[in-house]
Each structure stands twice: as C-alpha cells, then as structure tokens.
mmCIF file of all heavy atoms, coordinates in Angstrom:
data_MODEL
# 
_entry.id   MODEL 
# 
loop_
_atom_site.group_PDB 
_atom_site.id 
_atom_site.type_symbol 
_atom_site.label_atom_id 
_atom_site.label_alt_id 
_atom_site.label_comp_id 
_atom_site.label_asym_id 
_atom_site.label_entity_id 
_atom_site.label_seq_id 
_atom_site.pdbx_PDB_ins_code 
_atom_site.Cartn_x 
_atom_site.Cartn_y 
_atom_site.Cartn_z 
_atom_site.occupancy 
_atom_site.B_iso_or_equiv 
_atom_site.pdbx_formal_charge 
_atom_site.auth_seq_id 
_atom_site.auth_comp_id 
_atom_site.auth_asym_id 
_atom_site.auth_atom_id 
_atom_site.pdbx_PDB_model_num 
ATOM 1   N N   . ALA A 1 1  ? 6.581   -0.874  -3.258 1.00 0.00 ? 1  ALA A N   1 
ATOM 2   C CA  . ALA A 1 1  ? 7.101   0.492   -3.353 1.00 0.00 ? 1  ALA A CA  1 
ATOM 3   C C   . ALA A 1 1  ? 8.560   0.483   -3.783 1.00 0.00 ? 1  ALA A C   1 
ATOM 4   O O   . ALA A 1 1  ? 8.990   1.320   -4.595 1.00 0.00 ? 1  ALA A O   1 
ATOM 5   C CB  . ALA A 1 1  ? 6.930   1.213   -2.018 1.00 0.00 ? 1  ALA A CB  1 
ATOM 6   N N   . ARG A 1 2  ? 9.327   -0.476  -3.268 1.00 0.00 ? 2  ARG A N   1 
ATOM 7   C CA  . ARG A 1 2  ? 10.733  -0.583  -3.674 1.00 0.00 ? 2  ARG A CA  1 
ATOM 8   C C   . ARG A 1 2  ? 10.837  -0.916  -5.162 1.00 0.00 ? 2  ARG A C   1 
ATOM 9   O O   . ARG A 1 2  ? 11.679  -0.362  -5.876 1.00 0.00 ? 2  ARG A O   1 
ATOM 10  C CB  . ARG A 1 2  ? 11.451  -1.646  -2.835 1.00 0.00 ? 2  ARG A CB  1 
ATOM 11  C CG  . ARG A 1 2  ? 11.780  -1.200  -1.417 1.00 0.00 ? 2  ARG A CG  1 
ATOM 12  C CD  . ARG A 1 2  ? 12.727  -2.155  -0.725 1.00 0.00 ? 2  ARG A CD  1 
ATOM 13  N NE  . ARG A 1 2  ? 12.099  -3.427  -0.396 1.00 0.00 ? 2  ARG A NE  1 
ATOM 14  C CZ  . ARG A 1 2  ? 11.498  -3.696  0.769  1.00 0.00 ? 2  ARG A CZ  1 
ATOM 15  N NH1 . ARG A 1 2  ? 11.429  -2.759  1.715  1.00 0.00 ? 2  ARG A NH1 1 
ATOM 16  N NH2 . ARG A 1 2  ? 10.964  -4.877  0.995  1.00 0.00 ? 2  ARG A NH2 1 
ATOM 17  N N   . GLN A 1 3  ? 9.993   -1.823  -5.629 1.00 0.00 ? 3  GLN A N   1 
ATOM 18  C CA  . GLN A 1 3  ? 10.019  -2.181  -7.055 1.00 0.00 ? 3  GLN A CA  1 
ATOM 19  C C   . GLN A 1 3  ? 9.695   -0.982  -7.941 1.00 0.00 ? 3  GLN A C   1 
ATOM 20  O O   . GLN A 1 3  ? 10.202  -0.863  -9.057 1.00 0.00 ? 3  GLN A O   1 
ATOM 21  C CB  . GLN A 1 3  ? 9.044   -3.324  -7.331 1.00 0.00 ? 3  GLN A CB  1 
ATOM 22  C CG  . GLN A 1 3  ? 9.475   -4.659  -6.739 1.00 0.00 ? 3  GLN A CG  1 
ATOM 23  C CD  . GLN A 1 3  ? 8.525   -5.797  -7.097 1.00 0.00 ? 3  GLN A CD  1 
ATOM 24  O OE1 . GLN A 1 3  ? 7.726   -5.699  -8.025 1.00 0.00 ? 3  GLN A OE1 1 
ATOM 25  N NE2 . GLN A 1 3  ? 8.610   -6.898  -6.366 1.00 0.00 ? 3  GLN A NE2 1 
ATOM 26  N N   . LEU A 1 4  ? 8.846   -0.105  -7.439 1.00 0.00 ? 4  LEU A N   1 
ATOM 27  C CA  . LEU A 1 4  ? 8.462   1.096   -8.183 1.00 0.00 ? 4  LEU A CA  1 
ATOM 28  C C   . LEU A 1 4  ? 9.416   2.264   -7.947 1.00 0.00 ? 4  LEU A C   1 
ATOM 29  O O   . LEU A 1 4  ? 9.273   3.317   -8.580 1.00 0.00 ? 4  LEU A O   1 
ATOM 30  C CB  . LEU A 1 4  ? 7.048   1.523   -7.790 1.00 0.00 ? 4  LEU A CB  1 
ATOM 31  C CG  . LEU A 1 4  ? 5.926   0.561   -8.199 1.00 0.00 ? 4  LEU A CG  1 
ATOM 32  C CD1 . LEU A 1 4  ? 4.627   0.931   -7.487 1.00 0.00 ? 4  LEU A CD1 1 
ATOM 33  C CD2 . LEU A 1 4  ? 5.730   0.567   -9.705 1.00 0.00 ? 4  LEU A CD2 1 
ATOM 34  N N   . ALA A 1 5  ? 10.370  2.085   -7.034 1.00 0.00 ? 5  ALA A N   1 
ATOM 35  C CA  . ALA A 1 5  ? 11.321  3.143   -6.661 1.00 0.00 ? 5  ALA A CA  1 
ATOM 36  C C   . ALA A 1 5  ? 10.591  4.389   -6.164 1.00 0.00 ? 5  ALA A C   1 
ATOM 37  O O   . ALA A 1 5  ? 10.930  5.521   -6.522 1.00 0.00 ? 5  ALA A O   1 
ATOM 38  C CB  . ALA A 1 5  ? 12.246  3.475   -7.826 1.00 0.00 ? 5  ALA A CB  1 
ATOM 39  N N   . LEU A 1 6  ? 9.563   4.155   -5.320 1.00 0.00 ? 6  LEU A N   1 
ATOM 40  C CA  . LEU A 1 6  ? 8.779   5.252   -4.764 1.00 0.00 ? 6  LEU A CA  1 
ATOM 41  C C   . LEU A 1 6  ? 8.731   5.136   -3.247 1.00 0.00 ? 6  LEU A C   1 
ATOM 42  O O   . LEU A 1 6  ? 8.801   4.036   -2.686 1.00 0.00 ? 6  LEU A O   1 
ATOM 43  C CB  . LEU A 1 6  ? 7.350   5.209   -5.307 1.00 0.00 ? 6  LEU A CB  1 
ATOM 44  C CG  . LEU A 1 6  ? 7.156   5.580   -6.776 1.00 0.00 ? 6  LEU A CG  1 
ATOM 45  C CD1 . LEU A 1 6  ? 5.712   5.284   -7.187 1.00 0.00 ? 6  LEU A CD1 1 
ATOM 46  C CD2 . LEU A 1 6  ? 7.486   7.048   -7.013 1.00 0.00 ? 6  LEU A CD2 1 
ATOM 47  N N   . ALA A 1 7  ? 8.562   6.275   -2.589 1.00 0.00 ? 7  ALA A N   1 
ATOM 48  C CA  . ALA A 1 7  ? 8.305   6.262   -1.156 1.00 0.00 ? 7  ALA A CA  1 
ATOM 49  C C   . ALA A 1 7  ? 6.925   5.662   -0.918 1.00 0.00 ? 7  ALA A C   1 
ATOM 50  O O   . ALA A 1 7  ? 5.979   5.950   -1.663 1.00 0.00 ? 7  ALA A O   1 
ATOM 51  C CB  . ALA A 1 7  ? 8.365   7.675   -0.594 1.00 0.00 ? 7  ALA A CB  1 
ATOM 52  N N   . PRO A 1 8  ? 6.755   4.828   0.096  1.00 0.00 ? 8  PRO A N   1 
ATOM 53  C CA  . PRO A 1 8  ? 5.441   4.238   0.365  1.00 0.00 ? 8  PRO A CA  1 
ATOM 54  C C   . PRO A 1 8  ? 4.331   5.277   0.478  1.00 0.00 ? 8  PRO A C   1 
ATOM 55  O O   . PRO A 1 8  ? 3.201   5.036   0.028  1.00 0.00 ? 8  PRO A O   1 
ATOM 56  C CB  . PRO A 1 8  ? 5.657   3.493   1.681  1.00 0.00 ? 8  PRO A CB  1 
ATOM 57  C CG  . PRO A 1 8  ? 7.104   3.149   1.690  1.00 0.00 ? 8  PRO A CG  1 
ATOM 58  C CD  . PRO A 1 8  ? 7.782   4.314   1.013  1.00 0.00 ? 8  PRO A CD  1 
ATOM 59  N N   . ALA A 1 9  ? 4.633   6.419   1.053  1.00 0.00 ? 9  ALA A N   1 
ATOM 60  C CA  . ALA A 1 9  ? 3.610   7.452   1.246  1.00 0.00 ? 9  ALA A CA  1 
ATOM 61  C C   . ALA A 1 9  ? 3.076   8.008   -0.071 1.00 0.00 ? 9  ALA A C   1 
ATOM 62  O O   . ALA A 1 9  ? 2.024   8.647   -0.086 1.00 0.00 ? 9  ALA A O   1 
ATOM 63  C CB  . ALA A 1 9  ? 4.168   8.591   2.097  1.00 0.00 ? 9  ALA A CB  1 
ATOM 64  N N   . ARG A 1 10 ? 3.774   7.756   -1.171 1.00 0.00 ? 10 ARG A N   1 
ATOM 65  C CA  . ARG A 1 10 ? 3.324   8.238   -2.474 1.00 0.00 ? 10 ARG A CA  1 
ATOM 66  C C   . ARG A 1 10 ? 2.517   7.170   -3.230 1.00 0.00 ? 10 ARG A C   1 
ATOM 67  O O   . ARG A 1 10 ? 2.202   7.355   -4.402 1.00 0.00 ? 10 ARG A O   1 
ATOM 68  C CB  . ARG A 1 10 ? 4.514   8.682   -3.327 1.00 0.00 ? 10 ARG A CB  1 
ATOM 69  C CG  . ARG A 1 10 ? 5.283   9.853   -2.744 1.00 0.00 ? 10 ARG A CG  1 
ATOM 70  C CD  . ARG A 1 10 ? 4.386   11.046  -2.469 1.00 0.00 ? 10 ARG A CD  1 
ATOM 71  N NE  . ARG A 1 10 ? 3.635   11.444  -3.660 1.00 0.00 ? 10 ARG A NE  1 
ATOM 72  C CZ  . ARG A 1 10 ? 2.560   12.237  -3.636 1.00 0.00 ? 10 ARG A CZ  1 
ATOM 73  N NH1 . ARG A 1 10 ? 2.084   12.678  -2.479 1.00 0.00 ? 10 ARG A NH1 1 
ATOM 74  N NH2 . ARG A 1 10 ? 1.949   12.577  -4.750 1.00 0.00 ? 10 ARG A NH2 1 
ATOM 75  N N   . CYS A 1 11 ? 2.178   6.083   -2.553 1.00 0.00 ? 11 CYS A N   1 
ATOM 76  C CA  . CYS A 1 11 ? 1.400   5.009   -3.161 1.00 0.00 ? 11 CYS A CA  1 
ATOM 77  C C   . CYS A 1 11 ? 0.043   4.894   -2.477 1.00 0.00 ? 11 CYS A C   1 
ATOM 78  O O   . CYS A 1 11 ? -0.107  5.196   -1.295 1.00 0.00 ? 11 CYS A O   1 
ATOM 79  C CB  . CYS A 1 11 ? 2.119   3.660   -3.026 1.00 0.00 ? 11 CYS A CB  1 
ATOM 80  S SG  . CYS A 1 11 ? 3.783   3.623   -3.743 1.00 0.00 ? 11 CYS A SG  1 
ATOM 81  N N   . VAL A 1 12 ? -0.937  4.435   -3.233 1.00 0.00 ? 12 VAL A N   1 
ATOM 82  C CA  . VAL A 1 12 ? -2.242  4.098   -2.678 1.00 0.00 ? 12 VAL A CA  1 
ATOM 83  C C   . VAL A 1 12 ? -2.486  2.624   -2.954 1.00 0.00 ? 12 VAL A C   1 
ATOM 84  O O   . VAL A 1 12 ? -2.071  2.099   -3.993 1.00 0.00 ? 12 VAL A O   1 
ATOM 85  C CB  . VAL A 1 12 ? -3.365  4.966   -3.291 1.00 0.00 ? 12 VAL A CB  1 
ATOM 86  C CG1 . VAL A 1 12 ? -3.460  4.778   -4.796 1.00 0.00 ? 12 VAL A CG1 1 
ATOM 87  C CG2 . VAL A 1 12 ? -4.705  4.660   -2.635 1.00 0.00 ? 12 VAL A CG2 1 
ATOM 88  N N   . TYR A 1 13 ? -3.123  1.948   -1.997 1.00 0.00 ? 13 TYR A N   1 
ATOM 89  C CA  . TYR A 1 13 ? -3.411  0.519   -2.165 1.00 0.00 ? 13 TYR A CA  1 
ATOM 90  C C   . TYR A 1 13 ? -4.911  0.302   -2.062 1.00 0.00 ? 13 TYR A C   1 
ATOM 91  O O   . TYR A 1 13 ? -5.569  0.808   -1.154 1.00 0.00 ? 13 TYR A O   1 
ATOM 92  C CB  . TYR A 1 13 ? -2.685  -0.292  -1.095 1.00 0.00 ? 13 TYR A CB  1 
ATOM 93  C CG  . TYR A 1 13 ? -2.842  -1.794  -1.246 1.00 0.00 ? 13 TYR A CG  1 
ATOM 94  C CD1 . TYR A 1 13 ? -2.473  -2.426  -2.434 1.00 0.00 ? 13 TYR A CD1 1 
ATOM 95  C CD2 . TYR A 1 13 ? -3.335  -2.572  -0.211 1.00 0.00 ? 13 TYR A CD2 1 
ATOM 96  C CE1 . TYR A 1 13 ? -2.610  -3.799  -2.576 1.00 0.00 ? 13 TYR A CE1 1 
ATOM 97  C CE2 . TYR A 1 13 ? -3.467  -3.942  -0.348 1.00 0.00 ? 13 TYR A CE2 1 
ATOM 98  C CZ  . TYR A 1 13 ? -3.104  -4.551  -1.529 1.00 0.00 ? 13 TYR A CZ  1 
ATOM 99  O OH  . TYR A 1 13 ? -3.238  -5.911  -1.671 1.00 0.00 ? 13 TYR A OH  1 
ATOM 100 N N   . VAL A 1 14 ? -5.448  -0.463  -3.004 1.00 0.00 ? 14 VAL A N   1 
ATOM 101 C CA  . VAL A 1 14 ? -6.873  -0.763  -3.065 1.00 0.00 ? 14 VAL A CA  1 
ATOM 102 C C   . VAL A 1 14 ? -7.066  -2.247  -2.795 1.00 0.00 ? 14 VAL A C   1 
ATOM 103 O O   . VAL A 1 14 ? -6.482  -3.082  -3.490 1.00 0.00 ? 14 VAL A O   1 
ATOM 104 C CB  . VAL A 1 14 ? -7.468  -0.404  -4.445 1.00 0.00 ? 14 VAL A CB  1 
ATOM 105 C CG1 . VAL A 1 14 ? -8.984  -0.542  -4.421 1.00 0.00 ? 14 VAL A CG1 1 
ATOM 106 C CG2 . VAL A 1 14 ? -7.056  0.996   -4.874 1.00 0.00 ? 14 VAL A CG2 1 
ATOM 107 N N   . GLY A 1 15 ? -7.891  -2.583  -1.803 1.00 0.00 ? 15 GLY A N   1 
ATOM 108 C CA  . GLY A 1 15 ? -8.113  -3.989  -1.484 1.00 0.00 ? 15 GLY A CA  1 
ATOM 109 C C   . GLY A 1 15 ? -9.512  -4.245  -0.967 1.00 0.00 ? 15 GLY A C   1 
ATOM 110 O O   . GLY A 1 15 ? -10.234 -3.314  -0.600 1.00 0.00 ? 15 GLY A O   1 
ATOM 111 N N   . ASP A 1 16 ? -9.884  -5.527  -0.935 1.00 0.00 ? 16 ASP A N   1 
ATOM 112 C CA  . ASP A 1 16 ? -11.247 -5.898  -0.546 1.00 0.00 ? 16 ASP A CA  1 
ATOM 113 C C   . ASP A 1 16 ? -11.285 -6.727  0.727  1.00 0.00 ? 16 ASP A C   1 
ATOM 114 O O   . ASP A 1 16 ? -12.255 -7.448  0.975  1.00 0.00 ? 16 ASP A O   1 
ATOM 115 C CB  . ASP A 1 16 ? -11.947 -6.666  -1.687 1.00 0.00 ? 16 ASP A CB  1 
ATOM 116 C CG  . ASP A 1 16 ? -11.363 -8.051  -1.891 1.00 0.00 ? 16 ASP A CG  1 
ATOM 117 O OD1 . ASP A 1 16 ? -10.126 -8.196  -1.834 1.00 0.00 ? 16 ASP A OD1 1 
ATOM 118 O OD2 . ASP A 1 16 ? -12.145 -8.996  -2.113 1.00 0.00 ? 16 ASP A OD2 1 
ATOM 119 N N   . ASP A 1 17 ? -10.225 -6.624  1.540  1.00 0.00 ? 17 ASP A N   1 
ATOM 120 C CA  . ASP A 1 17 ? -10.160 -7.374  2.790  1.00 0.00 ? 17 ASP A CA  1 
ATOM 121 C C   . ASP A 1 17 ? -9.638  -6.457  3.893  1.00 0.00 ? 17 ASP A C   1 
ATOM 122 O O   . ASP A 1 17 ? -8.823  -5.565  3.627  1.00 0.00 ? 17 ASP A O   1 
ATOM 123 C CB  . ASP A 1 17 ? -9.241  -8.596  2.633  1.00 0.00 ? 17 ASP A CB  1 
ATOM 124 C CG  . ASP A 1 17 ? -9.381  -9.585  3.783  1.00 0.00 ? 17 ASP A CG  1 
ATOM 125 O OD1 . ASP A 1 17 ? -8.778  -9.328  4.856  1.00 0.00 ? 17 ASP A OD1 1 
ATOM 126 O OD2 . ASP A 1 17 ? -10.084 -10.592 3.626  1.00 0.00 ? 17 ASP A OD2 1 
ATOM 127 N N   . HIS A 1 18 ? -10.096 -6.692  5.113  1.00 0.00 ? 18 HIS A N   1 
ATOM 128 C CA  . HIS A 1 18 ? -9.632  -5.879  6.233  1.00 0.00 ? 18 HIS A CA  1 
ATOM 129 C C   . HIS A 1 18 ? -8.115  -5.928  6.372  1.00 0.00 ? 18 HIS A C   1 
ATOM 130 O O   . HIS A 1 18 ? -7.465  -4.944  6.732  1.00 0.00 ? 18 HIS A O   1 
ATOM 131 C CB  . HIS A 1 18 ? -10.302 -6.355  7.528  1.00 0.00 ? 18 HIS A CB  1 
ATOM 132 C CG  . HIS A 1 18 ? -10.056 -5.455  8.695  1.00 0.00 ? 18 HIS A CG  1 
ATOM 133 N ND1 . HIS A 1 18 ? -10.162 -5.885  9.999  1.00 0.00 ? 18 HIS A ND1 1 
ATOM 134 C CD2 . HIS A 1 18 ? -9.702  -4.137  8.764  1.00 0.00 ? 18 HIS A CD2 1 
ATOM 135 C CE1 . HIS A 1 18 ? -9.878  -4.884  10.813 1.00 0.00 ? 18 HIS A CE1 1 
ATOM 136 N NE2 . HIS A 1 18 ? -9.602  -3.818  10.097 1.00 0.00 ? 18 HIS A NE2 1 
ATOM 137 N N   . ARG A 1 19 ? -7.526  -7.088  6.038  1.00 0.00 ? 19 ARG A N   1 
ATOM 138 C CA  . ARG A 1 19 ? -6.065  -7.217  6.108  1.00 0.00 ? 19 ARG A CA  1 
ATOM 139 C C   . ARG A 1 19 ? -5.371  -6.218  5.188  1.00 0.00 ? 19 ARG A C   1 
ATOM 140 O O   . ARG A 1 19 ? -4.260  -5.764  5.478  1.00 0.00 ? 19 ARG A O   1 
ATOM 141 C CB  . ARG A 1 19 ? -5.641  -8.634  5.721  1.00 0.00 ? 19 ARG A CB  1 
ATOM 142 C CG  . ARG A 1 19 ? -6.043  -9.712  6.712  1.00 0.00 ? 19 ARG A CG  1 
ATOM 143 C CD  . ARG A 1 19 ? -5.743  -11.076 6.153  1.00 0.00 ? 19 ARG A CD  1 
ATOM 144 N NE  . ARG A 1 19 ? -6.451  -11.305 4.889  1.00 0.00 ? 19 ARG A NE  1 
ATOM 145 C CZ  . ARG A 1 19 ? -6.331  -12.411 4.161  1.00 0.00 ? 19 ARG A CZ  1 
ATOM 146 N NH1 . ARG A 1 19 ? -5.513  -13.369 4.558  1.00 0.00 ? 19 ARG A NH1 1 
ATOM 147 N NH2 . ARG A 1 19 ? -7.016  -12.554 3.039  1.00 0.00 ? 19 ARG A NH2 1 
ATOM 148 N N   . ASP A 1 20 ? -6.013  -5.900  4.068  1.00 0.00 ? 20 ASP A N   1 
ATOM 149 C CA  . ASP A 1 20 ? -5.415  -4.944  3.134  1.00 0.00 ? 20 ASP A CA  1 
ATOM 150 C C   . ASP A 1 20 ? -5.290  -3.572  3.767  1.00 0.00 ? 20 ASP A C   1 
ATOM 151 O O   . ASP A 1 20 ? -4.271  -2.894  3.614  1.00 0.00 ? 20 ASP A O   1 
ATOM 152 C CB  . ASP A 1 20 ? -6.271  -4.861  1.861  1.00 0.00 ? 20 ASP A CB  1 
ATOM 153 C CG  . ASP A 1 20 ? -6.332  -6.175  1.108  1.00 0.00 ? 20 ASP A CG  1 
ATOM 154 O OD1 . ASP A 1 20 ? -5.328  -6.914  1.129  1.00 0.00 ? 20 ASP A OD1 1 
ATOM 155 O OD2 . ASP A 1 20 ? -7.383  -6.471  0.515  1.00 0.00 ? 20 ASP A OD2 1 
ATOM 156 N N   . VAL A 1 21 ? -6.324  -3.166  4.476  1.00 0.00 ? 21 VAL A N   1 
ATOM 157 C CA  . VAL A 1 21 ? -6.295  -1.852  5.133  1.00 0.00 ? 21 VAL A CA  1 
ATOM 158 C C   . VAL A 1 21 ? -5.268  -1.847  6.261  1.00 0.00 ? 21 VAL A C   1 
ATOM 159 O O   . VAL A 1 21 ? -4.527  -0.869  6.440  1.00 0.00 ? 21 VAL A O   1 
ATOM 160 C CB  . VAL A 1 21 ? -7.694  -1.481  5.651  1.00 0.00 ? 21 VAL A CB  1 
ATOM 161 C CG1 . VAL A 1 21 ? -7.641  -0.183  6.452  1.00 0.00 ? 21 VAL A CG1 1 
ATOM 162 C CG2 . VAL A 1 21 ? -8.679  -1.343  4.491  1.00 0.00 ? 21 VAL A CG2 1 
ATOM 163 N N   . LEU A 1 22 ? -5.190  -2.941  7.014  1.00 0.00 ? 22 LEU A N   1 
ATOM 164 C CA  . LEU A 1 22 ? -4.198  -3.022  8.086  1.00 0.00 ? 22 LEU A CA  1 
ATOM 165 C C   . LEU A 1 22 ? -2.782  -2.934  7.523  1.00 0.00 ? 22 LEU A C   1 
ATOM 166 O O   . LEU A 1 22 ? -1.919  -2.242  8.080  1.00 0.00 ? 22 LEU A O   1 
ATOM 167 C CB  . LEU A 1 22 ? -4.378  -4.330  8.856  1.00 0.00 ? 22 LEU A CB  1 
ATOM 168 C CG  . LEU A 1 22 ? -5.676  -4.479  9.650  1.00 0.00 ? 22 LEU A CG  1 
ATOM 169 C CD1 . LEU A 1 22 ? -5.781  -5.886  10.251 1.00 0.00 ? 22 LEU A CD1 1 
ATOM 170 C CD2 . LEU A 1 22 ? -5.770  -3.429  10.748 1.00 0.00 ? 22 LEU A CD2 1 
ATOM 171 N N   . ALA A 1 23 ? -2.533  -3.621  6.407  1.00 0.00 ? 23 ALA A N   1 
ATOM 172 C CA  . ALA A 1 23 ? -1.218  -3.576  5.780  1.00 0.00 ? 23 ALA A CA  1 
ATOM 173 C C   . ALA A 1 23 ? -0.921  -2.174  5.253  1.00 0.00 ? 23 ALA A C   1 
ATOM 174 O O   . ALA A 1 23 ? 0.191   -1.660  5.389  1.00 0.00 ? 23 ALA A O   1 
ATOM 175 C CB  . ALA A 1 23 ? -1.144  -4.598  4.649  1.00 0.00 ? 23 ALA A CB  1 
ATOM 176 N N   . ASP A 1 24 ? -1.926  -1.567  4.627  1.00 0.00 ? 24 ASP A N   1 
ATOM 177 C CA  . ASP A 1 24 ? -1.822  -0.194  4.143  1.00 0.00 ? 24 ASP A CA  1 
ATOM 178 C C   . ASP A 1 24 ? -1.346  0.757   5.225  1.00 0.00 ? 24 ASP A C   1 
ATOM 179 O O   . ASP A 1 24 ? -0.387  1.511   5.052  1.00 0.00 ? 24 ASP A O   1 
ATOM 180 C CB  . ASP A 1 24 ? -3.221  0.304   3.738  1.00 0.00 ? 24 ASP A CB  1 
ATOM 181 C CG  . ASP A 1 24 ? -3.497  0.168   2.262  1.00 0.00 ? 24 ASP A CG  1 
ATOM 182 O OD1 . ASP A 1 24 ? -2.545  0.142   1.491  1.00 0.00 ? 24 ASP A OD1 1 
ATOM 183 O OD2 . ASP A 1 24 ? -4.675  0.114   1.908  1.00 0.00 ? 24 ASP A OD2 1 
ATOM 184 N N   . ARG A 1 25 ? -2.082  0.736   6.311  1.00 0.00 ? 25 ARG A N   1 
ATOM 185 C CA  . ARG A 1 25 ? -1.804  1.671   7.401  1.00 0.00 ? 25 ARG A CA  1 
ATOM 186 C C   . ARG A 1 25 ? -0.399  1.453   7.957  1.00 0.00 ? 25 ARG A C   1 
ATOM 187 O O   . ARG A 1 25 ? 0.334   2.417   8.241  1.00 0.00 ? 25 ARG A O   1 
ATOM 188 C CB  . ARG A 1 25 ? -2.849  1.506   8.510  1.00 0.00 ? 25 ARG A CB  1 
ATOM 189 C CG  . ARG A 1 25 ? -4.261  1.916   8.109  1.00 0.00 ? 25 ARG A CG  1 
ATOM 190 C CD  . ARG A 1 25 ? -4.305  3.333   7.608  1.00 0.00 ? 25 ARG A CD  1 
ATOM 191 N NE  . ARG A 1 25 ? -5.661  3.840   7.470  1.00 0.00 ? 25 ARG A NE  1 
ATOM 192 C CZ  . ARG A 1 25 ? -5.975  4.936   6.797  1.00 0.00 ? 25 ARG A CZ  1 
ATOM 193 N NH1 . ARG A 1 25 ? -5.031  5.626   6.206  1.00 0.00 ? 25 ARG A NH1 1 
ATOM 194 N NH2 . ARG A 1 25 ? -7.230  5.343   6.720  1.00 0.00 ? 25 ARG A NH2 1 
# 
C-alpha cells in the first residue's frame, strides 16, 4: 500500500492460502 501511495483500506488482496486472508484482515 505504501508503494502504491494508497490507504490499505482502498486495496483488495487476492490469495489462495489462509495466511493471505489473515494478513488481509
């Protein structure tokens, strides 16, 4: 999000592992 200069809440993350969802949240 910092690299994109965006607030995290304005990003969506797509992943195929439970860890991805945990990191997302």
